[in-house]
C-alpha atoms as a PDB file:
ATOM      1  CA  UNK A   1     -21.042   3.345  17.556  1.00  0.00           C
ATOM      2  CA  UNK A   2     -23.833   5.940  15.746  1.00  0.00           C
ATOM      3  CA  UNK A   3     -24.174   3.933  12.284  1.00  0.00           C
ATOM      4  CA  UNK A   4     -22.813   2.413   9.585  1.00  0.00           C
ATOM      5  CA  UNK A   5     -22.339   3.300   5.745  1.00  0.00           C
ATOM      6  CA  UNK A   6     -21.751   1.183   2.596  1.00  0.00           C
ATOM      7  CA  UNK A   7     -18.462   2.892   0.618  1.00  0.00           C
ATOM      8  CA  UNK A   8     -18.037   1.926  -2.914  1.00  0.00           C
ATOM      9  CA  UNK A   9     -14.467   2.669  -4.926  1.00  0.00           C
ATOM     10  CA  UNK A  10     -14.212   2.690  -8.517  1.00  0.00           C
ATOM     11  CA  UNK A  11     -10.559   2.796 -10.295  1.00  0.00           C
ATOM     12  CA  UNK A  12     -11.317   4.291 -14.169  1.00  0.00           C
ATOM     13  CA  UNK A  13      -7.849   3.131 -15.140  1.00  0.00           C
ATOM     14  CA  UNK A  14      -8.490  -0.491 -14.433  1.00  0.00           C
ATOM     15  CA  UNK A  15     -12.082  -0.720 -14.169  1.00  0.00           C
ATOM     16  CA  UNK A  16     -12.027  -2.540 -10.993  1.00  0.00           C
ATOM     17  CA  UNK A  17     -14.151  -1.724  -8.203  1.00  0.00           C
ATOM     18  CA  UNK A  18     -14.317  -2.583  -4.473  1.00  0.00           C
ATOM     19  CA  UNK A  19     -16.420  -1.776  -1.835  1.00  0.00           C
ATOM     20  CA  UNK A  20     -16.500  -2.198   1.939  1.00  0.00           C
ATOM     21  CA  UNK A  21     -18.523  -1.261   5.247  1.00  0.00           C
ATOM     22  CA  UNK A  22     -17.733   1.335   7.888  1.00  0.00           C
ATOM     23  CA  UNK A  23     -19.354   1.789  11.588  1.00  0.00           C
ATOM     24  CA  UNK A  24     -18.653   5.417  12.486  1.00  0.00           C
ATOM     25  CA  UNK A  25     -18.928   6.543  16.075  1.00  0.00           C
ATOM     26  CA  UNK A  26     -21.069   9.917  17.261  1.00  0.00           C
ATOM     27  CA  UNK A  27     -18.404  12.192  16.398  1.00  0.00           C
ATOM     28  CA  UNK A  28     -18.556  10.310  12.561  1.00  0.00           C
ATOM     29  CA  UNK A  29     -15.040   9.055  13.186  1.00  0.00           C
ATOM     30  CA  UNK A  30     -14.564   5.768  11.057  1.00  0.00           C
ATOM     31  CA  UNK A  31     -14.234   3.035  14.531  1.00  0.00           C
ATOM     32  CA  UNK A  32     -14.364  -0.549  12.269  1.00  0.00           C
ATOM     33  CA  UNK A  33     -14.120  -1.496   8.809  1.00  0.00           C
ATOM     34  CA  UNK A  34     -15.404  -4.662   7.015  1.00  0.00           C
ATOM     35  CA  UNK A  35     -14.263  -5.222   3.578  1.00  0.00           C
ATOM     36  CA  UNK A  36     -16.171  -7.513   1.152  1.00  0.00           C
ATOM     37  CA  UNK A  37     -13.919  -9.919  -0.315  1.00  0.00           C
ATOM     38  CA  UNK A  38     -14.705 -12.245  -3.405  1.00  0.00           C
ATOM     39  CA  UNK A  39     -13.965 -15.471  -2.076  1.00  0.00           C
ATOM     40  CA  UNK A  40     -16.654 -14.534   1.070  1.00  0.00           C
ATOM     41  CA  UNK A  41     -14.446 -14.162   3.830  1.00  0.00           C
ATOM     42  CA  UNK A  42     -15.433 -11.298   6.382  1.00  0.00           C
ATOM     43  CA  UNK A  43     -12.129  -9.528   8.040  1.00  0.00           C
ATOM     44  CA  UNK A  44     -13.206  -6.735  10.863  1.00  0.00           C
ATOM     45  CA  UNK A  45     -10.572  -3.882  11.295  1.00  0.00           C
ATOM     46  CA  UNK A  46     -11.402  -1.851  14.723  1.00  0.00           C
ATOM     47  CA  UNK A  47      -9.945   1.661  15.401  1.00  0.00           C
ATOM     48  CA  UNK A  48     -10.081   3.659  18.513  1.00  0.00           C
ATOM     49  CA  UNK A  49     -11.455   6.951  18.320  1.00  0.00           C
ATOM     50  CA  UNK A  50      -8.276   8.699  17.030  1.00  0.00           C
ATOM     51  CA  UNK A  51      -8.067   6.501  14.447  1.00  0.00           C
ATOM     52  CA  UNK A  52      -5.208   3.880  16.036  1.00  0.00           C
ATOM     53  CA  UNK A  53      -5.872   1.144  14.454  1.00  0.00           C
ATOM     54  CA  UNK A  54      -6.561  -1.558  17.776  1.00  0.00           C
ATOM     55  CA  UNK A  55      -7.000  -5.060  15.937  1.00  0.00           C
ATOM     56  CA  UNK A  56      -9.409  -7.202  13.442  1.00  0.00           C
ATOM     57  CA  UNK A  57     -11.081 -10.349  13.548  1.00  0.00           C
END
């Protein structure tokens, strides 16, 4: 993996927002996503280099 970035989305219609971390590979393809949930639980979603979902933990 090459790096990580934080993404923040804001919905102007509802005033709600959410954020998540994305891990990217050398070609800047998203390989892993970790949403930040309000209840403190963390689930990681992993993808292969073609963007296919490979599993979560």
